[in-house]
Amino acid sequence: MSVKRHDSTAVYSKVTEAGGLVFTAGVIPTDLARDCEGQTSEVLAEIDRLLALCGTDKSKVAQATVWLNDIRHRDAMNKAWSSWLGGKDAPARACVEAKLIDPRMLVEISVVAAK
């Protein structure tokens, strides 16, 4: 099986393709001044970009993992998440509280999608 990597550094690739699936790394926001809904919207826009690099889109997302720095941000994250999904094609998802790399970072999301 071949593996195709995109947006790679010496440490990781932002997205990889293998076996007909697309795997994103944990996608984080860059504008840490935004609230959780805003950061989530930014992260989801980047996921859209990464999926498009691999010839797929959010309708093919099968699984997602969401990390929040405080689980009380779940409603704000879900607001952006639901808007992104448009009320359809909801993947299997885990949402957990975790200590993220920067205390201003409120959300990180990783997805697995079909090609």
N, C-alpha and C. Protein backbone atom coordinates (compact mmCIF):
# COMPACT_ATOMS: atom_id res chain seq x y z
N MET A 1 0.86 -1.18 0.00
CA MET A 1 0.00 0.00 0.00
C MET A 1 0.90 1.23 0.00
N SER A 2 0.57 2.16 -0.84
CA SER A 2 1.34 3.40 -0.88
C SER A 2 0.74 4.43 0.07
N VAL A 3 1.58 5.34 0.51
CA VAL A 3 1.17 6.43 1.38
C VAL A 3 1.61 7.73 0.71
N LYS A 4 0.67 8.65 0.58
CA LYS A 4 0.97 9.96 -0.01
C LYS A 4 0.80 11.01 1.09
N ARG A 5 1.83 11.83 1.25
CA ARG A 5 1.83 12.84 2.32
C ARG A 5 1.75 14.25 1.72
N HIS A 6 1.04 15.13 2.43
CA HIS A 6 0.89 16.52 1.99
C HIS A 6 1.25 17.45 3.14
N ASP A 7 1.72 18.64 2.78
CA ASP A 7 2.08 19.67 3.77
C ASP A 7 2.94 19.07 4.88
N SER A 8 4.05 18.45 4.47
CA SER A 8 4.91 17.74 5.40
C SER A 8 6.05 18.61 5.93
N THR A 9 6.47 18.31 7.14
CA THR A 9 7.67 18.87 7.75
C THR A 9 8.53 17.69 8.17
N ALA A 10 9.63 17.95 8.83
CA ALA A 10 10.48 16.87 9.34
C ALA A 10 9.80 16.10 10.46
N VAL A 11 8.78 16.69 11.07
CA VAL A 11 8.13 16.09 12.24
C VAL A 11 6.82 15.38 11.90
N TYR A 12 6.03 15.95 11.01
CA TYR A 12 4.73 15.36 10.69
C TYR A 12 4.21 15.88 9.36
N SER A 13 3.17 15.20 8.86
CA SER A 13 2.44 15.66 7.68
C SER A 13 1.07 16.13 8.15
N LYS A 14 0.58 17.20 7.58
CA LYS A 14 -0.75 17.69 7.97
C LYS A 14 -1.85 16.75 7.52
N VAL A 15 -1.60 16.02 6.41
CA VAL A 15 -2.60 15.09 5.91
C VAL A 15 -1.88 13.99 5.12
N THR A 16 -2.39 12.77 5.26
CA THR A 16 -1.84 11.64 4.51
C THR A 16 -2.97 10.85 3.87
N GLU A 17 -2.64 10.18 2.77
CA GLU A 17 -3.57 9.31 2.06
C GLU A 17 -3.00 7.90 2.09
N ALA A 18 -3.82 6.92 2.45
CA ALA A 18 -3.40 5.52 2.44
C ALA A 18 -4.63 4.63 2.39
N GLY A 19 -4.58 3.61 1.54
CA GLY A 19 -5.66 2.63 1.49
C GLY A 19 -7.04 3.20 1.23
N GLY A 20 -7.11 4.24 0.43
CA GLY A 20 -8.41 4.84 0.11
C GLY A 20 -8.96 5.74 1.20
N LEU A 21 -8.14 6.01 2.23
CA LEU A 21 -8.55 6.87 3.33
C LEU A 21 -7.64 8.08 3.42
N VAL A 22 -8.16 9.14 4.02
CA VAL A 22 -7.42 10.38 4.25
C VAL A 22 -7.42 10.64 5.75
N PHE A 23 -6.22 10.91 6.28
CA PHE A 23 -6.04 11.13 7.72
C PHE A 23 -5.44 12.52 7.93
N THR A 24 -6.11 13.35 8.71
CA THR A 24 -5.49 14.63 9.04
C THR A 24 -4.78 14.50 10.38
N ALA A 25 -3.75 15.30 10.52
CA ALA A 25 -3.14 15.47 11.84
C ALA A 25 -4.13 16.26 12.68
N GLY A 26 -3.81 16.47 13.93
CA GLY A 26 -4.62 17.37 14.73
C GLY A 26 -4.49 18.78 14.17
N VAL A 27 -5.61 19.36 13.77
CA VAL A 27 -5.61 20.70 13.16
C VAL A 27 -5.92 21.70 14.26
N ILE A 28 -5.08 22.73 14.35
CA ILE A 28 -5.20 23.72 15.41
C ILE A 28 -5.44 25.11 14.82
N PRO A 29 -6.03 26.00 15.59
CA PRO A 29 -6.26 27.36 15.11
C PRO A 29 -4.97 28.18 15.15
N THR A 30 -4.92 29.22 14.32
CA THR A 30 -3.79 30.15 14.38
C THR A 30 -4.19 31.46 15.06
N ASP A 31 -5.47 31.82 14.99
CA ASP A 31 -5.94 33.04 15.64
C ASP A 31 -6.44 32.69 17.04
N LEU A 32 -5.52 32.75 18.00
CA LEU A 32 -5.85 32.33 19.36
C LEU A 32 -6.61 33.39 20.15
N ALA A 33 -6.87 34.54 19.54
CA ALA A 33 -7.67 35.57 20.18
C ALA A 33 -9.17 35.29 20.03
N ARG A 34 -9.53 34.38 19.11
CA ARG A 34 -10.94 34.08 18.86
C ARG A 34 -11.51 33.21 19.97
N ASP A 35 -12.84 33.23 20.12
CA ASP A 35 -13.50 32.34 21.07
C ASP A 35 -13.54 30.93 20.49
N CYS A 36 -14.08 29.98 21.23
CA CYS A 36 -14.06 28.58 20.79
C CYS A 36 -14.82 28.38 19.49
N GLU A 37 -15.94 29.03 19.33
CA GLU A 37 -16.69 28.90 18.08
C GLU A 37 -15.86 29.40 16.91
N GLY A 38 -15.20 30.54 17.08
CA GLY A 38 -14.36 31.10 16.03
C GLY A 38 -13.16 30.23 15.72
N GLN A 39 -12.50 29.72 16.77
CA GLN A 39 -11.36 28.83 16.55
C GLN A 39 -11.80 27.55 15.84
N THR A 40 -12.95 27.02 16.23
CA THR A 40 -13.46 25.81 15.60
C THR A 40 -13.75 26.06 14.12
N SER A 41 -14.37 27.17 13.80
CA SER A 41 -14.64 27.51 12.40
C SER A 41 -13.35 27.59 11.59
N GLU A 42 -12.32 28.19 12.18
CA GLU A 42 -11.03 28.29 11.50
C GLU A 42 -10.43 26.90 11.27
N VAL A 43 -10.48 26.04 12.28
CA VAL A 43 -9.96 24.68 12.17
C VAL A 43 -10.72 23.91 11.08
N LEU A 44 -12.02 24.03 11.05
CA LEU A 44 -12.83 23.30 10.07
C LEU A 44 -12.56 23.79 8.64
N ALA A 45 -12.29 25.07 8.48
CA ALA A 45 -11.93 25.60 7.16
C ALA A 45 -10.59 25.00 6.70
N GLU A 46 -9.66 24.83 7.64
CA GLU A 46 -8.38 24.21 7.30
C GLU A 46 -8.58 22.73 6.97
N ILE A 47 -9.46 22.06 7.69
CA ILE A 47 -9.77 20.66 7.36
C ILE A 47 -10.36 20.57 5.95
N ASP A 48 -11.25 21.49 5.59
CA ASP A 48 -11.77 21.53 4.22
C ASP A 48 -10.63 21.62 3.21
N ARG A 49 -9.66 22.49 3.47
CA ARG A 49 -8.52 22.67 2.56
C ARG A 49 -7.71 21.38 2.45
N LEU A 50 -7.43 20.75 3.59
CA LEU A 50 -6.63 19.52 3.59
C LEU A 50 -7.35 18.39 2.86
N LEU A 51 -8.64 18.26 3.09
CA LEU A 51 -9.41 17.21 2.40
C LEU A 51 -9.40 17.44 0.89
N ALA A 52 -9.55 18.70 0.49
CA ALA A 52 -9.55 19.03 -0.94
C ALA A 52 -8.20 18.68 -1.58
N LEU A 53 -7.10 18.85 -0.86
CA LEU A 53 -5.78 18.47 -1.38
C LEU A 53 -5.76 17.00 -1.78
N CYS A 54 -6.58 16.20 -1.10
CA CYS A 54 -6.61 14.76 -1.32
C CYS A 54 -7.78 14.32 -2.19
N GLY A 55 -8.53 15.27 -2.71
CA GLY A 55 -9.63 14.94 -3.61
C GLY A 55 -10.88 14.44 -2.91
N THR A 56 -11.09 14.88 -1.68
CA THR A 56 -12.30 14.48 -0.96
C THR A 56 -12.87 15.70 -0.24
N ASP A 57 -13.90 15.50 0.54
CA ASP A 57 -14.52 16.62 1.26
C ASP A 57 -15.20 16.13 2.53
N LYS A 58 -15.78 17.07 3.26
CA LYS A 58 -16.37 16.76 4.57
C LYS A 58 -17.51 15.75 4.50
N SER A 59 -18.16 15.60 3.36
CA SER A 59 -19.24 14.62 3.26
C SER A 59 -18.71 13.19 3.36
N LYS A 60 -17.42 13.02 3.21
CA LYS A 60 -16.80 11.69 3.27
C LYS A 60 -16.08 11.44 4.61
N VAL A 61 -16.20 12.37 5.55
CA VAL A 61 -15.56 12.18 6.86
C VAL A 61 -16.29 11.07 7.61
N ALA A 62 -15.54 10.05 7.98
CA ALA A 62 -16.12 8.89 8.69
C ALA A 62 -15.93 8.98 10.19
N GLN A 63 -14.86 9.64 10.63
CA GLN A 63 -14.54 9.70 12.05
C GLN A 63 -13.84 11.00 12.37
N ALA A 64 -14.12 11.55 13.53
CA ALA A 64 -13.46 12.77 13.99
C ALA A 64 -13.14 12.65 15.47
N THR A 65 -12.03 13.26 15.83
CA THR A 65 -11.67 13.40 17.25
C THR A 65 -11.52 14.88 17.53
N VAL A 66 -12.20 15.34 18.56
CA VAL A 66 -12.16 16.75 18.96
C VAL A 66 -11.57 16.81 20.36
N TRP A 67 -10.54 17.65 20.51
CA TRP A 67 -9.97 17.90 21.83
C TRP A 67 -10.30 19.34 22.19
N LEU A 68 -10.84 19.53 23.39
CA LEU A 68 -11.15 20.86 23.91
C LEU A 68 -10.30 21.10 25.16
N ASN A 69 -9.80 22.32 25.33
CA ASN A 69 -9.02 22.58 26.54
C ASN A 69 -9.92 22.64 27.77
N ASP A 70 -11.21 22.79 27.57
CA ASP A 70 -12.19 22.81 28.65
C ASP A 70 -13.50 22.27 28.07
N ILE A 71 -13.99 21.17 28.59
CA ILE A 71 -15.19 20.52 28.04
C ILE A 71 -16.40 21.45 28.07
N ARG A 72 -16.34 22.49 28.89
CA ARG A 72 -17.45 23.44 28.92
C ARG A 72 -17.55 24.25 27.62
N HIS A 73 -16.54 24.16 26.75
CA HIS A 73 -16.59 24.81 25.44
C HIS A 73 -17.33 23.97 24.40
N ARG A 74 -17.82 22.81 24.81
CA ARG A 74 -18.43 21.89 23.85
C ARG A 74 -19.60 22.50 23.10
N ASP A 75 -20.47 23.25 23.76
CA ASP A 75 -21.62 23.85 23.07
C ASP A 75 -21.17 24.84 21.99
N ALA A 76 -20.16 25.67 22.29
CA ALA A 76 -19.65 26.63 21.30
C ALA A 76 -19.00 25.90 20.13
N MET A 77 -18.24 24.85 20.44
CA MET A 77 -17.63 24.06 19.37
C MET A 77 -18.71 23.40 18.53
N ASN A 78 -19.73 22.83 19.18
CA ASN A 78 -20.81 22.16 18.45
C ASN A 78 -21.58 23.12 17.54
N LYS A 79 -21.67 24.37 17.93
CA LYS A 79 -22.36 25.35 17.09
C LYS A 79 -21.63 25.49 15.75
N ALA A 80 -20.31 25.65 15.80
CA ALA A 80 -19.52 25.75 14.56
C ALA A 80 -19.53 24.42 13.82
N TRP A 81 -19.42 23.32 14.56
CA TRP A 81 -19.40 21.98 13.96
C TRP A 81 -20.70 21.71 13.20
N SER A 82 -21.84 22.01 13.83
CA SER A 82 -23.14 21.77 13.20
C SER A 82 -23.32 22.64 11.97
N SER A 83 -22.87 23.87 12.04
CA SER A 83 -22.95 24.76 10.88
C SER A 83 -22.10 24.21 9.74
N TRP A 84 -20.92 23.71 10.06
CA TRP A 84 -20.02 23.13 9.05
C TRP A 84 -20.64 21.92 8.37
N LEU A 85 -21.27 21.05 9.17
CA LEU A 85 -21.88 19.85 8.61
C LEU A 85 -23.16 20.15 7.84
N GLY A 86 -23.83 21.23 8.17
CA GLY A 86 -25.07 21.57 7.48
C GLY A 86 -26.21 20.62 7.77
N GLY A 87 -26.16 19.94 8.91
CA GLY A 87 -27.27 19.06 9.31
C GLY A 87 -27.27 17.70 8.66
N LYS A 88 -26.15 17.32 8.01
CA LYS A 88 -26.11 16.00 7.37
C LYS A 88 -24.69 15.45 7.42
N ASP A 89 -24.59 14.16 7.10
CA ASP A 89 -23.29 13.49 6.99
C ASP A 89 -22.48 13.55 8.28
N ALA A 90 -23.13 13.42 9.43
CA ALA A 90 -22.40 13.47 10.70
C ALA A 90 -21.55 12.20 10.87
N PRO A 91 -20.24 12.37 11.11
CA PRO A 91 -19.38 11.21 11.30
C PRO A 91 -19.44 10.69 12.74
N ALA A 92 -18.85 9.52 12.95
CA ALA A 92 -18.60 9.07 14.32
C ALA A 92 -17.63 10.09 14.92
N ARG A 93 -17.80 10.40 16.21
CA ARG A 93 -16.96 11.46 16.78
C ARG A 93 -16.71 11.22 18.26
N ALA A 94 -15.51 11.53 18.68
CA ALA A 94 -15.17 11.58 20.09
C ALA A 94 -14.85 13.03 20.42
N CYS A 95 -15.23 13.48 21.60
CA CYS A 95 -14.95 14.84 22.05
C CYS A 95 -14.47 14.74 23.49
N VAL A 96 -13.22 15.13 23.73
CA VAL A 96 -12.63 14.98 25.06
C VAL A 96 -11.94 16.26 25.49
N GLU A 97 -11.80 16.41 26.78
CA GLU A 97 -11.03 17.52 27.34
C GLU A 97 -9.57 17.11 27.41
N ALA A 98 -8.69 18.01 27.00
CA ALA A 98 -7.26 17.72 27.01
C ALA A 98 -6.47 19.01 27.18
N LYS A 99 -5.28 18.88 27.73
CA LYS A 99 -4.38 20.02 27.82
C LYS A 99 -3.74 20.19 26.45
N LEU A 100 -3.98 21.33 25.80
CA LEU A 100 -3.45 21.59 24.47
C LEU A 100 -2.12 22.34 24.56
N ILE A 101 -1.44 22.46 23.44
CA ILE A 101 -0.07 22.97 23.41
C ILE A 101 0.08 24.41 23.91
N ASP A 102 -0.96 25.21 23.79
CA ASP A 102 -0.95 26.61 24.22
C ASP A 102 -2.25 26.85 24.99
N PRO A 103 -2.20 27.44 26.16
CA PRO A 103 -3.43 27.63 26.95
C PRO A 103 -4.48 28.50 26.27
N ARG A 104 -4.09 29.28 25.27
CA ARG A 104 -5.06 30.09 24.52
C ARG A 104 -5.76 29.28 23.45
N MET A 105 -5.22 28.11 23.15
CA MET A 105 -5.79 27.22 22.15
C MET A 105 -6.95 26.48 22.79
N LEU A 106 -8.13 26.60 22.20
CA LEU A 106 -9.34 26.04 22.80
C LEU A 106 -9.78 24.74 22.17
N VAL A 107 -9.33 24.46 20.93
CA VAL A 107 -9.82 23.28 20.20
C VAL A 107 -8.74 22.74 19.25
N GLU A 108 -8.78 21.45 19.06
CA GLU A 108 -7.96 20.76 18.05
C GLU A 108 -8.83 19.64 17.50
N ILE A 109 -8.78 19.43 16.19
CA ILE A 109 -9.63 18.41 15.56
C ILE A 109 -8.82 17.61 14.55
N SER A 110 -9.05 16.31 14.53
CA SER A 110 -8.47 15.40 13.55
C SER A 110 -9.61 14.59 12.93
N VAL A 111 -9.51 14.32 11.62
CA VAL A 111 -10.56 13.53 10.96
C VAL A 111 -9.93 12.44 10.09
N VAL A 112 -10.76 11.43 9.83
CA VAL A 112 -10.45 10.37 8.87
C VAL A 112 -11.60 10.39 7.86
N ALA A 113 -11.25 10.45 6.57
CA ALA A 113 -12.27 10.52 5.52
C ALA A 113 -11.97 9.49 4.43
N ALA A 114 -13.01 9.09 3.74
CA ALA A 114 -12.86 8.24 2.57
C ALA A 114 -12.50 9.10 1.38
N LYS A 115 -11.84 8.51 0.40
CA LYS A 115 -11.49 9.22 -0.83
C LYS A 115 -12.71 9.31 -1.73
